[in-house]
């Protein structure tokens, strides 16, 4: 697991694509945040659009190196949701 704790795809045409995060701290592993499905319990900053879609475009939490362990702690909740029929 530790091999995947931090990843940067510097060849991505959008790198770094997140405002407010210093380039050396930007974590591409969370390009698609694994905590999205937790809704209000994700711990990051977000808004809901009028159609109910969660807009995480202003959230910098999952994209920072120092937040990786906090994100992984919440993965138990994500796995529990995945088990539901």
N, C-alpha and C. Protein backbone atom coordinates (compact mmCIF):
# COMPACT_ATOMS: atom_id res chain seq x y z
N UNK A 1 0.82 -1.20 0.00
CA UNK A 1 0.00 0.00 0.00
C UNK A 1 0.86 1.26 0.00
N UNK A 2 1.96 1.26 0.71
CA UNK A 2 2.79 2.45 0.83
C UNK A 2 3.30 2.91 -0.53
N UNK A 3 3.45 1.99 -1.49
CA UNK A 3 3.91 2.37 -2.81
C UNK A 3 2.93 3.30 -3.52
N UNK A 4 1.69 3.31 -3.08
CA UNK A 4 0.67 4.12 -3.73
C UNK A 4 0.26 5.33 -2.90
N UNK A 5 1.03 5.64 -1.86
CA UNK A 5 0.66 6.71 -0.95
C UNK A 5 0.69 8.08 -1.61
N UNK A 6 1.50 8.26 -2.64
CA UNK A 6 1.60 9.56 -3.29
C UNK A 6 2.00 9.35 -4.73
N UNK A 7 1.34 10.05 -5.63
CA UNK A 7 1.62 9.87 -7.04
C UNK A 7 1.41 11.18 -7.78
N UNK A 8 2.31 11.50 -8.67
CA UNK A 8 2.15 12.68 -9.52
C UNK A 8 2.34 12.29 -10.98
N UNK A 9 1.36 12.61 -11.79
CA UNK A 9 1.46 12.39 -13.22
C UNK A 9 1.81 13.72 -13.87
N UNK A 10 3.09 14.03 -13.89
CA UNK A 10 3.54 15.33 -14.40
C UNK A 10 3.36 15.45 -15.91
N UNK A 11 3.09 14.36 -16.58
CA UNK A 11 2.86 14.41 -18.02
C UNK A 11 1.40 14.68 -18.37
N UNK A 12 0.54 14.68 -17.38
CA UNK A 12 -0.88 14.99 -17.60
C UNK A 12 -0.99 16.42 -18.11
N UNK A 13 -1.81 16.62 -19.12
CA UNK A 13 -1.94 17.95 -19.71
C UNK A 13 -2.52 18.97 -18.74
N UNK A 14 -3.13 18.51 -17.65
CA UNK A 14 -3.75 19.42 -16.69
C UNK A 14 -2.90 19.65 -15.44
N UNK A 15 -1.78 18.96 -15.31
CA UNK A 15 -0.97 19.05 -14.09
C UNK A 15 -0.30 20.40 -13.96
N UNK A 16 -0.29 21.03 -12.78
CA UNK A 16 -1.17 20.74 -11.64
C UNK A 16 -2.52 21.40 -11.86
N UNK A 17 -3.58 20.67 -11.70
CA UNK A 17 -4.90 21.15 -12.09
C UNK A 17 -5.71 21.71 -10.92
N UNK A 18 -5.16 21.72 -9.74
CA UNK A 18 -5.93 22.15 -8.58
C UNK A 18 -5.37 23.43 -8.00
N UNK A 19 -6.15 24.48 -8.05
CA UNK A 19 -5.71 25.76 -7.48
C UNK A 19 -5.55 25.64 -5.97
N UNK A 20 -4.56 26.34 -5.43
CA UNK A 20 -4.38 26.39 -3.98
C UNK A 20 -3.49 25.31 -3.42
N UNK A 21 -2.96 24.44 -4.26
CA UNK A 21 -2.07 23.37 -3.80
C UNK A 21 -0.72 23.56 -4.46
N UNK A 22 0.33 23.64 -3.65
CA UNK A 22 1.67 23.77 -4.21
C UNK A 22 2.01 22.53 -5.02
N UNK A 23 2.69 22.72 -6.13
CA UNK A 23 2.98 21.63 -7.06
C UNK A 23 3.62 20.42 -6.38
N UNK A 24 4.57 20.63 -5.46
CA UNK A 24 5.25 19.50 -4.83
C UNK A 24 4.33 18.71 -3.89
N UNK A 25 3.19 19.28 -3.52
CA UNK A 25 2.24 18.61 -2.64
C UNK A 25 1.04 18.03 -3.37
N UNK A 26 0.94 18.26 -4.66
CA UNK A 26 -0.24 17.83 -5.41
C UNK A 26 -0.25 16.32 -5.61
N UNK A 27 -1.33 15.67 -5.21
CA UNK A 27 -1.44 14.22 -5.28
C UNK A 27 -2.45 13.81 -6.35
N UNK A 28 -1.96 13.24 -7.44
CA UNK A 28 -2.83 12.81 -8.54
C UNK A 28 -3.62 11.55 -8.19
N UNK A 29 -3.22 10.84 -7.15
CA UNK A 29 -3.92 9.62 -6.77
C UNK A 29 -5.40 9.90 -6.51
N UNK A 30 -5.70 11.10 -6.05
CA UNK A 30 -7.08 11.42 -5.73
C UNK A 30 -7.76 12.27 -6.80
N UNK A 31 -7.33 12.11 -8.04
CA UNK A 31 -7.99 12.82 -9.13
C UNK A 31 -9.48 12.49 -9.11
N UNK A 32 -9.79 11.24 -8.86
CA UNK A 32 -11.16 10.81 -8.65
C UNK A 32 -11.26 10.42 -7.19
N UNK A 33 -11.75 11.33 -6.38
CA UNK A 33 -11.70 11.16 -4.92
C UNK A 33 -12.46 9.91 -4.47
N UNK A 34 -11.80 9.04 -3.73
CA UNK A 34 -12.47 7.82 -3.25
C UNK A 34 -13.49 8.12 -2.17
N UNK A 35 -13.50 9.34 -1.63
CA UNK A 35 -14.44 9.67 -0.58
C UNK A 35 -15.71 10.34 -1.10
N UNK A 36 -15.81 10.50 -2.40
CA UNK A 36 -16.97 11.18 -3.00
C UNK A 36 -18.28 10.57 -2.52
N UNK A 37 -18.33 9.27 -2.45
CA UNK A 37 -19.58 8.57 -2.10
C UNK A 37 -20.01 8.79 -0.65
N UNK A 38 -19.13 9.35 0.19
CA UNK A 38 -19.49 9.57 1.59
C UNK A 38 -20.32 10.82 1.79
N UNK A 39 -20.50 11.60 0.74
CA UNK A 39 -21.33 12.81 0.87
C UNK A 39 -20.81 13.75 1.93
N UNK A 40 -21.68 14.15 2.85
CA UNK A 40 -21.31 15.09 3.90
C UNK A 40 -20.24 14.56 4.86
N UNK A 41 -20.02 13.26 4.87
CA UNK A 41 -19.06 12.66 5.80
C UNK A 41 -17.64 12.59 5.25
N UNK A 42 -17.39 13.11 4.06
CA UNK A 42 -16.07 12.98 3.45
C UNK A 42 -15.00 13.77 4.18
N UNK A 43 -15.38 14.90 4.79
CA UNK A 43 -14.40 15.69 5.53
C UNK A 43 -13.77 16.80 4.72
N UNK A 44 -14.06 16.88 3.45
CA UNK A 44 -13.50 17.93 2.60
C UNK A 44 -14.49 19.07 2.41
N UNK A 45 -14.09 20.04 1.62
CA UNK A 45 -14.99 21.15 1.33
C UNK A 45 -15.62 20.93 -0.05
N UNK A 46 -16.91 21.18 -0.16
CA UNK A 46 -17.64 20.96 -1.40
C UNK A 46 -18.96 21.70 -1.33
N UNK A 47 -19.65 21.72 -2.44
CA UNK A 47 -21.02 22.24 -2.49
C UNK A 47 -21.86 21.25 -3.28
N UNK A 48 -23.15 21.34 -3.14
CA UNK A 48 -24.05 20.54 -3.97
C UNK A 48 -24.65 21.46 -5.03
N UNK A 49 -24.65 21.00 -6.26
CA UNK A 49 -25.27 21.74 -7.34
C UNK A 49 -26.78 21.62 -7.24
N UNK A 50 -27.51 22.42 -7.97
CA UNK A 50 -28.97 22.41 -7.90
C UNK A 50 -29.56 21.05 -8.28
N UNK A 51 -28.82 20.26 -9.07
CA UNK A 51 -29.32 18.94 -9.47
C UNK A 51 -28.90 17.84 -8.48
N UNK A 52 -28.28 18.22 -7.35
CA UNK A 52 -27.92 17.26 -6.32
C UNK A 52 -26.54 16.64 -6.48
N UNK A 53 -25.81 17.02 -7.52
CA UNK A 53 -24.47 16.49 -7.75
C UNK A 53 -23.48 17.18 -6.82
N UNK A 54 -22.61 16.42 -6.22
CA UNK A 54 -21.60 16.96 -5.32
C UNK A 54 -20.47 17.58 -6.15
N UNK A 55 -20.21 18.86 -5.94
CA UNK A 55 -19.15 19.58 -6.66
C UNK A 55 -17.95 19.75 -5.74
N UNK A 56 -16.90 19.01 -6.01
CA UNK A 56 -15.69 19.03 -5.18
C UNK A 56 -14.58 19.90 -5.78
N UNK A 57 -14.91 20.73 -6.74
CA UNK A 57 -13.89 21.46 -7.46
C UNK A 57 -13.10 22.44 -6.59
N UNK A 58 -13.63 22.83 -5.44
CA UNK A 58 -12.90 23.74 -4.56
C UNK A 58 -12.20 23.02 -3.41
N UNK A 59 -12.32 21.72 -3.33
CA UNK A 59 -11.72 20.96 -2.23
C UNK A 59 -10.24 20.69 -2.49
N UNK A 60 -9.41 21.02 -1.54
CA UNK A 60 -7.98 20.71 -1.69
C UNK A 60 -7.55 19.60 -0.75
N UNK A 61 -8.41 19.17 0.15
CA UNK A 61 -8.02 18.18 1.15
C UNK A 61 -7.42 16.90 0.56
N UNK A 62 -8.11 16.20 -0.33
CA UNK A 62 -7.56 14.93 -0.78
C UNK A 62 -6.33 15.07 -1.66
N UNK A 63 -6.05 16.28 -2.12
CA UNK A 63 -4.95 16.45 -3.06
C UNK A 63 -3.63 16.78 -2.38
N UNK A 64 -3.62 16.83 -1.07
CA UNK A 64 -2.40 17.17 -0.35
C UNK A 64 -1.74 15.92 0.23
N UNK A 65 -0.43 15.86 0.12
CA UNK A 65 0.34 14.73 0.61
C UNK A 65 0.04 14.43 2.08
N UNK A 66 -0.05 15.48 2.90
CA UNK A 66 -0.24 15.28 4.34
C UNK A 66 -1.63 14.75 4.69
N UNK A 67 -2.56 14.75 3.76
CA UNK A 67 -3.90 14.25 4.02
C UNK A 67 -4.10 12.78 3.66
N UNK A 68 -3.12 12.16 3.09
CA UNK A 68 -3.30 10.79 2.61
C UNK A 68 -3.75 9.84 3.71
N UNK A 69 -3.10 9.88 4.86
CA UNK A 69 -3.47 8.97 5.95
C UNK A 69 -4.90 9.22 6.43
N UNK A 70 -5.30 10.47 6.46
CA UNK A 70 -6.67 10.81 6.87
C UNK A 70 -7.69 10.25 5.88
N UNK A 71 -7.34 10.32 4.61
CA UNK A 71 -8.22 9.79 3.58
C UNK A 71 -8.33 8.27 3.72
N UNK A 72 -7.20 7.61 3.92
CA UNK A 72 -7.20 6.15 4.03
C UNK A 72 -7.99 5.68 5.25
N UNK A 73 -7.99 6.45 6.33
CA UNK A 73 -8.77 6.10 7.51
C UNK A 73 -10.26 6.03 7.19
N UNK A 74 -10.71 6.86 6.27
CA UNK A 74 -12.12 6.90 5.90
C UNK A 74 -12.50 5.80 4.89
N UNK A 75 -11.51 5.11 4.36
CA UNK A 75 -11.79 4.10 3.36
C UNK A 75 -12.61 2.95 3.92
N UNK A 76 -12.56 2.71 5.21
CA UNK A 76 -13.40 1.68 5.83
C UNK A 76 -14.87 2.00 5.58
N UNK A 77 -15.23 3.28 5.72
CA UNK A 77 -16.61 3.70 5.47
C UNK A 77 -16.98 3.49 4.00
N UNK A 78 -16.03 3.77 3.11
CA UNK A 78 -16.28 3.57 1.68
C UNK A 78 -16.51 2.10 1.39
N UNK A 79 -15.70 1.24 1.98
CA UNK A 79 -15.83 -0.21 1.75
C UNK A 79 -17.16 -0.73 2.30
N UNK A 80 -17.62 -0.18 3.41
CA UNK A 80 -18.91 -0.58 3.96
C UNK A 80 -20.04 -0.21 2.99
N UNK A 81 -19.95 0.96 2.39
CA UNK A 81 -20.96 1.35 1.40
C UNK A 81 -20.94 0.44 0.20
N UNK A 82 -19.75 -0.01 -0.20
CA UNK A 82 -19.62 -0.87 -1.38
C UNK A 82 -20.24 -2.24 -1.13
N UNK A 83 -20.33 -2.67 0.11
CA UNK A 83 -20.92 -3.98 0.45
C UNK A 83 -22.43 -3.97 0.38
N UNK A 84 -23.04 -2.80 0.45
CA UNK A 84 -24.51 -2.72 0.48
C UNK A 84 -25.08 -3.12 -0.88
N UNK A 85 -26.21 -3.84 -0.86
CA UNK A 85 -26.84 -4.25 -2.13
C UNK A 85 -27.45 -3.09 -2.86
